[in-house]
Protein backbone atom coordinates (compact mmCIF):
# COMPACT_ATOMS: atom_id res chain seq x y z
CA MET A 1 34.46 11.31 15.50
CA THR A 2 34.50 11.16 11.81
CA ALA A 3 36.80 13.86 10.24
CA PHE A 4 36.24 13.19 6.44
CA CYS A 5 35.38 9.84 4.84
CA ALA A 6 34.52 10.39 1.03
CA THR A 7 32.96 6.79 0.76
CA ASN A 8 30.38 7.43 3.57
CA PRO A 9 26.77 8.29 2.47
CA LEU A 10 25.57 10.78 5.15
CA ILE A 11 25.89 14.49 5.43
CA VAL A 12 24.54 15.64 8.79
CA GLN A 13 23.62 19.32 8.76
CA GLY A 14 23.45 21.89 11.70
CA ASP A 15 19.66 22.36 11.06
CA HIS A 16 19.14 18.63 12.06
CA THR A 17 18.73 17.56 8.46
CA ILE A 18 20.55 14.47 6.95
CA LEU A 19 21.40 13.99 3.29
CA VAL A 20 21.83 10.39 2.21
CA GLU A 21 23.27 9.36 -1.07
CA VAL A 22 21.08 6.61 -2.47
CA ASP A 23 23.57 5.25 -4.90
CA ASN A 24 26.11 4.53 -2.05
CA PRO A 25 26.81 0.94 -1.35
CA LEU A 26 26.20 1.49 2.31
CA TYR A 27 22.65 3.03 1.73
CA PRO A 28 20.67 -0.03 2.52
CA VAL A 29 22.40 -0.23 5.83
CA VAL A 30 22.19 3.35 6.59
CA ARG A 31 18.53 3.59 5.56
CA ASP A 32 17.56 0.73 7.91
CA GLN A 33 19.27 2.69 10.80
CA LEU A 34 17.84 6.10 10.03
CA VAL A 35 14.26 5.01 9.75
CA ARG A 36 14.56 4.15 13.48
CA PHE A 37 15.07 7.67 14.75
CA ALA A 38 14.65 10.28 11.80
CA GLU A 39 11.74 11.36 9.77
CA LEU A 40 12.02 10.86 6.05
CA VAL A 41 11.28 14.39 4.42
CA LYS A 42 12.17 13.73 0.77
CA SER A 43 13.20 10.71 -1.17
CA PRO A 44 13.69 11.52 -4.81
CA GLU A 45 15.91 9.37 -6.98
CA HIS A 46 19.60 10.19 -5.81
CA ILE A 47 19.64 12.10 -2.54
CA HIS A 48 17.12 11.29 0.31
CA THR A 49 16.53 13.92 3.16
CA TYR A 50 15.74 12.96 6.71
CA ARG A 51 15.12 15.23 9.62
CA ILE A 52 15.69 14.63 13.38
CA THR A 53 12.97 16.17 15.59
CA PRO A 54 12.09 15.68 19.27
CA LEU A 55 9.16 13.43 18.03
CA SER A 56 11.41 11.52 15.92
CA ILE A 57 13.80 10.86 18.83
CA TRP A 58 11.03 10.13 21.30
CA ASN A 59 9.59 7.50 18.77
CA ALA A 60 13.05 5.81 18.76
CA CYS A 61 13.42 5.92 22.53
CA ALA A 62 9.84 4.33 22.79
CA ALA A 63 11.26 1.65 20.65
CA GLY A 64 14.18 0.99 22.87
CA VAL A 65 16.74 2.76 20.78
CA LYS A 66 19.44 4.68 22.95
CA ALA A 67 20.87 8.06 22.33
CA ALA A 68 24.36 6.67 21.99
CA GLU A 69 23.17 4.32 19.38
CA ILE A 70 21.91 7.35 17.36
CA THR A 71 25.02 9.28 17.70
CA ASP A 72 27.19 6.31 16.94
CA VAL A 73 25.43 5.62 13.72
CA LEU A 74 25.80 9.30 12.43
CA ASP A 75 29.40 9.39 13.35
CA ALA A 76 30.07 6.00 11.80
CA TYR A 77 28.33 6.80 8.41
CA ALA A 78 28.90 10.62 8.08
CA LYS A 79 31.08 11.95 5.22
CA TYR A 80 32.09 15.04 7.34
CA ALA A 81 32.17 15.58 11.19
CA VAL A 82 28.89 15.62 12.68
CA PRO A 83 28.15 19.16 14.19
CA ALA A 84 28.81 18.85 17.82
CA HIS A 85 25.59 20.74 18.74
CA VAL A 86 23.44 18.05 16.90
CA ASN A 87 24.81 15.21 19.04
CA VAL A 88 24.20 17.40 22.11
CA GLU A 89 20.66 18.01 21.16
CA ILE A 90 19.98 14.34 20.32
CA ARG A 91 21.18 13.52 23.79
CA ASP A 92 18.99 16.14 25.22
CA PHE A 93 15.92 15.12 23.32
CA ALA A 94 16.41 11.47 24.41
CA THR A 95 16.88 12.27 27.95
CA ARG A 96 13.46 13.93 28.04
CA TYR A 97 11.71 10.77 27.18
CA GLY A 98 11.28 8.52 30.24
CA ARG A 99 12.15 10.98 32.82
CA LEU A 100 8.54 10.92 33.64
CA ARG A 101 7.09 7.30 33.85
CA LEU A 102 3.50 6.22 34.20
CA THR A 103 3.25 3.00 36.22
CA ARG A 104 0.58 1.01 38.24
CA ARG A 105 0.43 2.16 41.88
CA GLU A 106 0.62 -0.76 44.12
CA GLY A 107 -2.49 -1.08 46.52
CA SER A 108 -4.44 1.44 44.52
CA GLU A 109 -6.50 1.78 41.37
CA ASP A 110 -4.65 4.96 40.77
CA LEU A 111 -1.63 5.23 38.43
CA LEU A 112 1.73 6.54 39.50
CA LEU A 113 3.50 9.35 37.68
CA SER A 114 7.16 9.44 39.01
CA THR A 115 10.51 11.05 38.10
CA ASN A 116 13.96 11.00 39.57
CA ASP A 117 14.49 14.61 38.83
CA LEU A 118 13.05 16.97 41.66
CA PRO A 119 13.22 20.26 39.71
CA LEU A 120 11.24 18.55 36.87
CA ALA A 121 8.61 17.20 39.26
CA GLU A 122 8.31 20.89 40.69
CA GLU A 123 7.94 22.33 37.20
CA ILE A 124 5.10 19.90 36.22
CA SER A 125 3.29 20.34 39.42
CA ARG A 126 3.03 24.10 38.62
CA ASN A 127 2.26 23.66 34.91
CA ARG A 128 -1.29 24.90 34.27
CA HIS A 129 -1.77 22.19 31.57
CA VAL A 130 -0.52 19.36 33.59
CA ALA A 131 -1.56 20.27 37.22
CA PRO A 132 -5.23 19.42 36.63
CA PHE A 133 -4.58 15.88 35.92
CA LEU A 134 -2.45 15.27 39.07
CA ALA A 135 -4.67 13.81 41.77
CA GLN A 136 -2.29 13.95 44.72
CA ARG A 137 1.43 14.59 45.45
CA LEU A 138 2.60 11.27 47.31
CA SER A 139 6.20 12.37 47.57
CA PRO A 140 8.59 15.22 46.24
CA THR A 141 8.92 13.22 43.07
CA GLU A 142 5.67 11.08 42.84
CA PHE A 143 2.03 11.81 41.90
CA SER A 144 -1.12 9.72 41.71
CA VAL A 145 -3.10 10.11 38.55
CA ASN A 146 -6.70 8.95 37.91
CA PRO A 147 -6.65 6.19 35.33
CA PHE A 148 -9.24 8.05 33.50
CA ASN A 149 -6.74 11.00 33.02
CA ARG A 150 -3.98 8.58 31.41
CA GLY A 151 -4.28 9.71 28.10
CA ARG A 152 -4.99 13.46 28.98
CA ILE A 153 -1.86 13.66 31.11
CA LYS A 154 0.26 12.18 28.25
CA GLN A 155 -1.19 14.77 25.80
CA ALA A 156 -0.34 17.46 28.26
CA LEU A 157 3.07 16.30 29.07
CA ILE A 158 4.18 15.77 25.33
CA LYS A 159 3.30 19.46 24.61
CA THR A 160 5.49 20.46 27.63
CA GLY A 161 8.49 18.76 25.77
CA PHE A 162 8.59 15.86 28.45
CA PRO A 163 6.65 12.77 27.14
CA ALA A 164 5.80 10.22 29.70
CA GLU A 165 6.96 6.61 29.16
CA ASP A 166 3.82 4.75 29.72
CA LEU A 167 4.28 1.41 31.37
CA ALA A 168 0.96 1.15 33.20
CA GLY A 169 0.07 -1.78 31.04
CA TYR A 170 -3.12 -3.08 29.51
CA ILE A 171 -6.23 -4.93 30.47
CA ALA A 172 -6.22 -8.34 28.85
CA GLY A 173 -9.85 -7.85 27.32
CA GLU A 174 -12.31 -10.64 26.40
CA SER A 175 -10.47 -13.71 25.24
CA MET A 176 -10.93 -14.64 21.61
CA SER A 177 -9.35 -17.48 19.70
CA LEU A 178 -8.08 -16.43 16.20
CA ALA A 179 -5.48 -17.96 13.85
CA LEU A 180 -4.29 -17.03 10.55
CA ARG A 181 -5.05 -19.47 7.76
CA GLY A 182 -2.50 -21.09 5.71
CA GLU A 183 -4.75 -21.32 2.79
CA THR A 184 -7.60 -18.71 1.91
CA LEU A 185 -11.02 -19.90 1.35
CA SER A 186 -10.46 -19.90 -2.38
CA GLN A 187 -7.54 -22.43 -1.49
CA GLN A 188 -4.92 -19.94 -2.30
CA SER A 189 -1.70 -20.19 -0.42
CA PHE A 190 -1.50 -17.55 2.25
CA VAL A 191 1.53 -16.46 4.28
CA LEU A 192 2.58 -13.17 5.86
CA ARG A 193 5.12 -11.09 3.97
CA PRO A 194 8.52 -10.76 5.84
CA TYR A 195 7.66 -6.91 6.61
CA GLN A 196 4.14 -7.81 7.66
CA LEU A 197 5.27 -10.27 10.32
CA ALA A 198 8.01 -8.09 11.51
CA ALA A 199 5.65 -5.15 12.02
CA ALA A 200 3.11 -7.31 13.87
CA GLU A 201 5.88 -8.57 16.18
CA ILE A 202 7.35 -5.13 16.84
CA PHE A 203 3.86 -3.98 17.68
CA HIS A 204 3.19 -6.87 20.08
CA ALA A 205 6.82 -6.78 21.66
CA GLY A 206 6.14 -10.29 23.10
CA GLY A 207 3.10 -9.05 25.14
CA SER A 208 5.28 -6.62 27.18
CA ASP A 209 4.06 -3.31 28.45
CA ARG A 210 6.54 -1.76 25.99
CA GLY A 211 4.32 -3.12 23.10
CA GLY A 212 0.62 -2.99 22.52
CA SER A 213 0.45 0.54 21.33
CA GLY A 214 1.59 2.27 18.34
CA VAL A 215 1.38 3.20 14.64
CA ILE A 216 2.43 1.15 11.65
CA VAL A 217 3.13 3.28 8.39
CA LEU A 218 3.00 1.16 5.15
CA PRO A 219 2.17 2.46 1.51
CA CYS A 220 -1.32 1.89 0.19
CA GLY A 221 -1.41 -1.66 -1.36
CA ALA A 222 1.17 -3.15 1.14
CA GLY A 223 -1.41 -4.92 3.25
CA LYS A 224 -2.04 -2.85 6.32
CA THR A 225 -5.24 -4.92 6.91
CA ILE A 226 -3.27 -8.23 6.93
CA VAL A 227 -0.78 -6.57 9.49
CA GLY A 228 -3.79 -5.69 11.65
CA MET A 229 -4.99 -9.30 11.51
CA ALA A 230 -1.51 -10.54 12.41
CA CYS A 231 -1.62 -8.22 15.44
CA MET A 232 -5.06 -9.60 16.29
CA SER A 233 -3.72 -13.21 16.38
CA GLN A 234 -0.94 -12.31 18.60
CA ILE A 235 -3.12 -10.67 21.07
CA GLN A 236 -6.06 -13.17 21.08
CA SER A 237 -8.70 -10.87 22.38
CA SER A 238 -11.78 -9.08 21.30
CA THR A 239 -11.02 -6.27 18.77
CA LEU A 240 -12.90 -3.03 17.74
CA ILE A 241 -11.86 -1.78 14.29
CA LEU A 242 -12.61 1.68 13.38
CA THR A 243 -12.45 2.46 9.70
CA THR A 244 -13.41 5.20 7.13
CA SER A 245 -16.57 3.87 5.50
CA VAL A 246 -19.07 0.96 5.20
CA THR A 247 -17.23 -0.19 2.19
CA ALA A 248 -14.07 -0.44 4.20
CA ILE A 249 -15.97 -2.37 6.91
CA ARG A 250 -17.15 -4.92 4.09
CA GLN A 251 -13.58 -5.36 2.83
CA TRP A 252 -12.21 -5.91 6.37
CA THR A 253 -14.82 -8.48 7.00
CA ALA A 254 -14.14 -10.30 3.73
CA GLU A 255 -10.39 -10.34 4.64
CA LEU A 256 -11.05 -11.71 8.06
CA LEU A 257 -13.23 -14.51 6.82
CA ASP A 258 -10.83 -15.23 4.10
CA LYS A 259 -7.55 -15.29 5.98
CA THR A 260 -8.37 -16.08 9.46
CA THR A 261 -10.47 -18.80 11.49
CA LEU A 262 -13.06 -16.22 12.50
CA THR A 263 -16.59 -17.02 11.29
CA LYS A 264 -19.63 -14.80 10.31
CA ASP A 265 -20.98 -15.16 13.79
CA ASP A 266 -17.77 -13.72 15.39
CA ILE A 267 -17.83 -10.47 13.32
CA GLY A 268 -20.33 -7.58 13.85
CA GLU A 269 -20.96 -4.49 11.85
CA TYR A 270 -21.75 -1.26 13.65
CA SER A 271 -22.74 1.43 10.89
CA GLY A 272 -25.70 3.70 10.10
CA SER A 273 -27.93 0.75 9.27
CA VAL A 274 -26.58 -2.18 11.35
CA LYS A 275 -25.68 -2.17 15.14
CA ASN A 276 -24.20 -5.71 15.78
CA ILE A 277 -21.70 -5.86 18.55
CA ARG A 278 -19.58 -9.13 18.23
CA PRO A 279 -16.08 -10.33 19.49
CA VAL A 280 -14.72 -8.45 16.49
CA THR A 281 -16.72 -5.40 15.73
CA LEU A 282 -16.15 -2.89 12.77
CA ALA A 283 -17.47 0.50 12.94
CA THR A 284 -17.01 3.88 10.94
CA TYR A 285 -15.71 7.13 12.20
CA GLN A 286 -18.66 8.76 10.88
CA ILE A 287 -21.14 6.66 13.12
CA MET A 288 -18.82 7.36 16.02
CA THR A 289 -19.04 11.09 15.54
CA TYR A 290 -22.55 11.25 14.61
CA ARG A 291 -24.99 13.37 16.71
CA THR A 292 -28.38 15.05 15.93
CA ARG A 293 -27.41 18.46 17.23
CA LYS A 294 -24.06 20.23 17.89
CA GLU A 295 -24.69 20.78 21.60
CA GLU A 296 -25.45 16.99 22.16
CA ASP A 297 -23.00 14.26 23.22
CA PHE A 298 -21.91 11.77 20.75
CA PRO A 299 -24.19 8.75 21.61
CA HIS A 300 -22.31 6.10 19.68
CA LEU A 301 -19.00 6.58 21.47
CA THR A 302 -20.44 4.22 24.15
CA LEU A 303 -19.22 1.45 21.57
CA PHE A 304 -15.70 1.88 23.13
CA ASN A 305 -16.98 0.54 26.41
CA SER A 306 -19.66 -1.94 25.31
CA ARG A 307 -17.24 -4.78 25.43
CA SER A 308 -14.02 -5.54 27.17
CA TRP A 309 -11.94 -4.88 24.00
CA GLY A 310 -8.31 -6.28 24.10
CA LEU A 311 -7.33 -4.24 21.04
CA ILE A 312 -8.64 -1.17 19.10
CA ILE A 313 -7.47 -0.76 15.50
CA TYR A 314 -7.52 2.62 14.04
CA ASP A 315 -7.44 2.26 10.28
CA GLU A 316 -6.34 5.27 8.44
CA VAL A 317 -5.31 6.89 11.78
CA HIS A 318 -4.17 10.01 10.11
CA LEU A 319 -7.85 10.83 9.64
CA LEU A 320 -8.80 10.39 13.30
CA PRO A 321 -11.50 12.94 14.21
CA ALA A 322 -11.24 15.01 17.24
CA PRO A 323 -14.19 13.27 19.19
CA VAL A 324 -12.38 9.82 18.71
CA PHE A 325 -9.07 11.55 19.99
CA GLN A 326 -11.06 12.56 23.16
CA ILE A 327 -12.65 9.22 23.96
CA THR A 328 -9.18 7.47 23.06
CA ALA A 329 -7.62 9.67 25.92
CA SER A 330 -9.84 7.88 28.37
CA ILE A 331 -9.35 4.24 27.17
CA GLN A 332 -5.44 4.00 27.44
CA ALA A 333 -5.69 0.58 29.24
CA ARG A 334 -6.71 -1.00 25.85
CA ARG A 335 -4.15 -1.90 23.33
CA ARG A 336 -4.34 0.44 20.57
CA LEU A 337 -2.86 -0.05 16.85
CA GLY A 338 -3.00 2.84 14.20
CA LEU A 339 -2.53 1.94 10.59
CA THR A 340 -1.86 4.52 7.72
CA ALA A 341 -0.02 5.22 4.63
CA THR A 342 1.10 8.70 5.92
CA LEU A 343 1.18 10.25 9.22
CA VAL A 344 0.90 13.48 7.61
CA ARG A 345 -1.99 15.31 9.37
CA GLU A 346 -3.24 18.55 7.85
CA ASP A 347 -4.12 19.67 11.39
CA GLY A 348 -0.64 19.14 12.71
CA ARG A 349 -1.81 16.67 15.53
CA GLU A 350 0.99 14.12 15.00
CA ASP A 351 2.00 14.43 18.64
CA ASP A 352 -1.42 13.63 19.94
CA VAL A 353 -1.40 10.44 17.76
CA PHE A 354 1.99 9.68 19.59
CA ALA A 355 0.44 10.39 22.97
CA LEU A 356 -2.85 8.66 22.42
CA ILE A 357 -2.35 5.80 19.90
CA GLY A 358 1.21 5.30 20.58
CA PRO A 359 4.52 5.90 18.91
CA LYS A 360 5.33 5.01 15.32
CA LYS A 361 6.72 1.43 15.31
CA VAL A 362 7.22 0.85 11.61
CA ASP A 363 7.69 3.15 8.48
CA ILE A 364 8.80 1.81 5.13
CA PRO A 365 9.44 4.16 2.33
CA TRP A 366 7.09 3.72 -0.67
CA LYS A 367 9.95 3.36 -3.17
CA GLU A 368 11.68 0.74 -1.21
CA MET A 369 8.41 -1.33 -1.33
CA GLU A 370 8.17 -0.73 -5.13
CA SER A 371 11.73 -1.87 -5.75
CA GLN A 372 11.03 -5.19 -3.88
CA GLY A 373 7.78 -5.71 -6.02
CA TRP A 374 5.38 -5.38 -3.07
CA ILE A 375 3.54 -2.52 -4.63
CA ALA A 376 3.14 -1.63 -8.28
CA GLU A 377 5.76 0.77 -10.03
CA ALA A 378 3.90 4.02 -10.75
CA LYS A 379 4.50 6.70 -13.10
CA CYS A 380 2.82 10.06 -12.26
CA HIS A 381 1.79 12.60 -14.96
CA GLU A 382 0.66 16.16 -14.75
CA ILE A 383 -1.30 17.14 -17.87
CA ARG A 384 -1.66 20.94 -18.18
CA LEU A 385 -4.28 22.51 -20.62
CA PRO A 386 -5.35 26.06 -21.29
CA LEU A 387 -8.74 27.65 -19.71
CA LYS A 388 -11.32 28.16 -22.35
CA GLU A 389 -11.25 31.58 -23.72
CA ASP A 390 -14.83 32.27 -22.68
CA LEU A 391 -13.95 31.42 -19.10
CA ARG A 392 -11.06 33.67 -18.74
CA MET A 393 -12.97 36.77 -17.74
CA PRO A 394 -15.35 35.08 -15.37
CA TYR A 395 -12.10 33.45 -13.69
CA ALA A 396 -10.49 36.84 -13.58
CA LEU A 397 -13.59 38.44 -11.79
CA ALA A 398 -14.20 35.39 -9.26
CA ASP A 399 -13.04 35.15 -5.72
CA ALA A 400 -10.30 32.70 -4.64
CA ARG A 401 -12.65 29.61 -4.07
CA GLN A 402 -14.73 30.16 -7.09
CA LYS A 403 -11.40 30.54 -9.19
CA PHE A 404 -10.47 27.10 -8.09
CA ARG A 405 -13.68 25.71 -9.06
CA ILE A 406 -13.84 27.28 -12.52
CA ALA A 407 -10.24 25.92 -13.25
CA SER A 408 -11.06 22.52 -11.86
CA GLU A 409 -14.30 22.06 -13.97
CA ASN A 410 -12.55 23.27 -17.21
CA PRO A 411 -14.83 21.59 -19.72
CA ASP A 412 -11.91 20.76 -21.93
CA LYS A 413 -10.79 18.16 -19.43
CA GLN A 414 -13.40 15.70 -21.02
CA ALA A 415 -11.59 15.55 -24.17
CA LEU A 416 -8.46 14.88 -22.54
CA VAL A 417 -10.01 12.25 -20.52
CA ARG A 418 -11.06 10.52 -23.66
CA LYS A 419 -7.59 10.74 -25.09
CA ILE A 420 -6.04 9.06 -22.05
CA LEU A 421 -8.54 6.32 -22.00
CA LYS A 422 -7.64 5.58 -25.52
CA ARG A 423 -4.03 5.39 -24.45
CA HIS A 424 -4.97 2.72 -21.85
CA GLU A 425 -7.57 0.99 -23.85
CA GLY A 426 -8.40 -2.40 -22.20
CA GLU A 427 -7.12 -1.45 -18.68
CA GLN A 428 -8.97 -0.77 -15.65
CA VAL A 429 -9.27 2.90 -14.91
CA LEU A 430 -10.67 5.06 -12.08
CA LEU A 431 -11.89 8.57 -12.76
CA ILE A 432 -11.77 10.53 -9.67
CA GLY A 433 -13.04 14.09 -9.07
CA LEU A 434 -14.01 16.56 -6.50
CA TYR A 435 -17.05 18.22 -8.10
CA ILE A 436 -20.06 15.86 -8.55
CA ASP A 437 -21.51 17.83 -11.51
CA GLN A 438 -18.27 17.52 -13.49
CA ILE A 439 -17.87 13.70 -12.96
CA LYS A 440 -21.55 13.14 -13.49
CA ASP A 441 -21.13 14.78 -16.92
CA ILE A 442 -17.94 12.65 -17.77
CA ALA A 443 -19.80 9.49 -16.57
CA SER A 444 -22.77 10.16 -18.70
CA GLU A 445 -20.87 10.96 -21.89
CA LEU A 446 -18.73 7.80 -21.34
CA GLN A 447 -21.82 5.72 -20.04
CA ILE A 448 -19.90 4.23 -17.19
CA PRO A 449 -21.01 3.82 -13.52
CA LEU A 450 -20.67 6.76 -11.18
CA LEU A 451 -20.23 6.28 -7.31
CA THR A 452 -20.71 9.40 -5.06
CA GLY A 453 -21.49 9.95 -1.42
CA THR A 454 -25.23 9.57 -2.03
CA THR A 455 -24.89 6.26 -3.66
CA ALA A 456 -26.63 3.62 -1.70
CA GLN A 457 -24.22 1.19 -0.07
CA ARG A 458 -25.73 -1.83 -1.87
CA LYS A 459 -25.14 -0.22 -5.18
CA ARG A 460 -21.55 0.65 -4.19
CA ASP A 461 -20.86 -2.88 -3.26
CA ALA A 462 -22.27 -4.18 -6.50
CA VAL A 463 -20.43 -1.64 -8.70
CA TYR A 464 -17.13 -2.31 -6.93
CA ALA A 465 -17.61 -6.20 -7.41
CA ASP A 466 -18.21 -5.61 -11.04
CA PHE A 467 -15.04 -3.68 -11.36
CA LYS A 468 -13.04 -6.06 -9.50
CA GLU A 469 -14.18 -8.93 -11.59
CA GLY A 470 -13.55 -6.99 -14.65
CA ARG A 471 -17.14 -6.66 -15.79
CA VAL A 472 -16.65 -2.87 -15.57
CA LYS A 473 -13.45 -1.43 -16.92
CA ILE A 474 -13.89 2.21 -16.10
CA LEU A 475 -15.36 3.67 -12.91
CA ALA A 476 -15.98 7.39 -12.09
CA VAL A 477 -15.93 8.04 -8.20
CA SER A 478 -15.98 11.06 -6.01
CA LYS A 479 -13.93 11.34 -2.76
CA ILE A 480 -15.62 8.24 -1.47
CA ALA A 481 -12.84 6.22 -3.10
CA ASN A 482 -10.06 7.92 -1.53
CA PHE A 483 -9.66 5.56 1.41
CA ALA A 484 -9.72 1.90 2.18
CA VAL A 485 -11.15 0.87 -1.21
CA ASP A 486 -9.65 -2.39 -2.40
CA LEU A 487 -9.57 -2.42 -6.05
CA PRO A 488 -6.43 -4.48 -6.85
CA ASP A 489 -6.72 -4.55 -10.66
CA ALA A 490 -7.06 -0.66 -11.23
CA SER A 491 -3.87 0.21 -13.03
CA VAL A 492 -4.81 3.73 -14.05
CA ALA A 493 -6.16 6.71 -12.06
CA ILE A 494 -7.19 10.04 -13.75
CA GLN A 495 -7.59 12.91 -11.25
CA ILE A 496 -10.11 15.27 -12.99
CA SER A 497 -10.11 17.60 -10.01
CA GLY A 498 -8.32 17.43 -6.59
CA THR A 499 -9.23 18.85 -3.12
CA PHE A 500 -7.12 22.20 -3.00
CA GLY A 501 -3.62 21.30 -1.50
CA SER A 502 -4.26 18.18 0.34
CA ARG A 503 -1.11 16.06 0.54
CA GLN A 504 -3.07 13.29 2.18
CA GLU A 505 -5.50 13.11 -0.73
CA GLU A 506 -2.91 12.93 -3.39
CA ALA A 507 -1.22 10.01 -1.62
CA GLN A 508 -4.45 8.08 -1.18
CA ARG A 509 -5.60 8.67 -4.71
CA LEU A 510 -2.32 7.21 -6.05
CA GLY A 511 -2.76 4.53 -3.53
CA ARG A 512 -5.91 3.19 -5.36
CA ILE A 513 -3.68 1.81 -8.09
CA LEU A 514 -0.51 0.58 -6.14
CA ARG A 515 -1.71 -2.84 -5.31
CA PRO A 516 0.68 -5.32 -6.93
CA LYS A 517 -0.24 -6.66 -10.33
CA ASN A 518 0.51 -9.67 -12.47
CA GLY A 519 2.77 -9.05 -15.48
CA ARG A 520 4.46 -5.63 -15.67
CA ASN A 521 3.31 -4.54 -12.22
CA GLN A 522 2.79 -1.10 -13.72
CA ALA A 523 0.48 1.73 -12.64
CA HIS A 524 -0.21 5.20 -14.12
CA PHE A 525 -1.51 8.28 -12.40
CA TYR A 526 -2.74 11.26 -14.25
CA ASN A 527 -3.57 14.78 -12.81
CA LEU A 528 -5.48 17.05 -15.08
CA VAL A 529 -4.59 20.73 -14.28
CA THR A 530 -5.76 24.05 -15.92
CA ARG A 531 -2.49 25.89 -16.74
CA ASP A 532 -1.75 29.42 -15.15
CA THR A 533 -4.53 29.19 -12.65
CA VAL A 534 -4.77 28.63 -8.81
CA GLU A 535 -5.35 24.84 -9.63
CA GLN A 536 -1.84 24.61 -10.91
CA ASP A 537 -0.58 26.18 -7.67
CA PHE A 538 -2.70 23.77 -5.43
CA ALA A 539 -1.55 20.73 -7.68
CA LEU A 540 1.99 21.65 -6.72
CA LYS A 541 1.33 21.41 -2.88
CA ARG A 542 -0.64 18.16 -3.41
CA GLN A 543 2.18 16.52 -5.15
CA LEU A 544 4.71 17.49 -2.53
CA PHE A 545 4.28 14.23 -0.25
CA LEU A 546 4.66 11.95 -3.26
CA CYS A 547 7.61 13.74 -4.61
CA GLU A 548 9.04 13.40 -1.14
CA GLN A 549 8.45 9.62 -1.52
CA GLY A 550 10.63 9.69 -4.63
CA TYR A 551 7.80 9.78 -7.26
CA GLU A 552 8.52 12.13 -10.22
CA TYR A 553 5.77 13.95 -11.99
CA VAL A 554 6.15 14.10 -15.81
CA ILE A 555 4.63 17.40 -16.85
CA LEU A 556 3.08 17.60 -20.42
CA ASP A 557 1.03 19.83 -22.29
CA ALA A 558 -2.32 18.42 -23.31
CA ALA A 559 -1.25 18.86 -26.97
CA GLU A 560 1.90 16.66 -26.36
CA LEU A 561 0.01 13.81 -24.89
CA GLN A 562 0.34 10.92 -27.50
């Protein structure tokens, strides 16, 4: 055990947090080790903070990392002796994963839940959350499980603190031939980046039962769509892709046609206006959860069983709605890939993602990707301005929600937008806002296109194309542009109003401008905030995730902006 080694980069603390010195020569080695078994909490410039949790250890175990490897890494690189109880608890967390195993039951369609631990078998047999999913007790330590309950029992077990190792395998699904091109349709060379290839191979795991389900976490702009296509090429089976919008469907389709051997006849769109089911079918979460009345079933969830899918891809998996969680619990025999820039869920259902989609397989820090040039270098600015004098009394008398709106719609923000636009004249800029009337006024004044949730899809596609081709330099958008919108040349984003304290949204809005750029590879993110109001308080909460990723907000008064 390490007693004291001043040159080591780690400080392991008794509350299961780990401090890492970024400037230490051993940092790159240690970082690659830590990401396997700890959650990155904060990554500012000089000291990164990780946390060991039961879920992080179970993610590691699912990837084949042993408890001894984890404790050996901590002991080898710690500056001070690792608290003894931390190593004990790591071993305890690790032994919980895999003590229960789900496998195929020979000679039966049922699955087999088994353990070598008789007291544990007795405990789960009496647990009121687990027992309903146990079909029959075959022996003191074995239970049969209906395949339909495969996901539900995994959900129940992870909440008891004993996640099951799922080795029941997958159905092959309909065979589909797909290869990645070496050259795109525009005759540009195409090759997977090293981390994209590694992510696909980790997910596939050579086709073994230990692969085929899990989540890949990469920053916006790092090419998660390409990772999805690489996984499809390894599995060679029909694929259902769920994403956030029709715009995202069209972008996925364009990428599939551009970079794989699939043809238009191979790809179907399942949305509000089109219901084509093909070997590769793309659908939105909105259509999957649509129903005419609250008490009705969700009619479009039948899409999950409309073909023998070999792979289901959940784009922006951190947004997975509850009905899709529910249907996913019943289709555990199909391979499942989650793609996201952040596993932060405002509803706290990260353990359900683990149980139903699969463990986290890859998670690369944003700043690491930036340092390697795979995403743009971003500078974040918070510009504070006072509330107009004639609004101070209405603000003082308003309730909490109305206070936020008054502050967010501060009319002096329009002059500030013009000042920032002049600072970035000639660059491609996104103006993003929560309140439609506010962005309508600004778009009208600047005579620029505006896209909102009510904009027809045809117009959205045309305006996005104009922006991508440079015919439109400034574009105003509502929340519709938060997710899965590929605008590679956007280098400036001005957030006029944000959604309360949503960390997800702040990350996604910055993500709109992170795609790598020719030349300086530089992006600027501006957040306009009314000083001394609840908007300033919520802005601090929204920024938390980005600060944890190592981004620093430069805070300026509006009068200081040159």
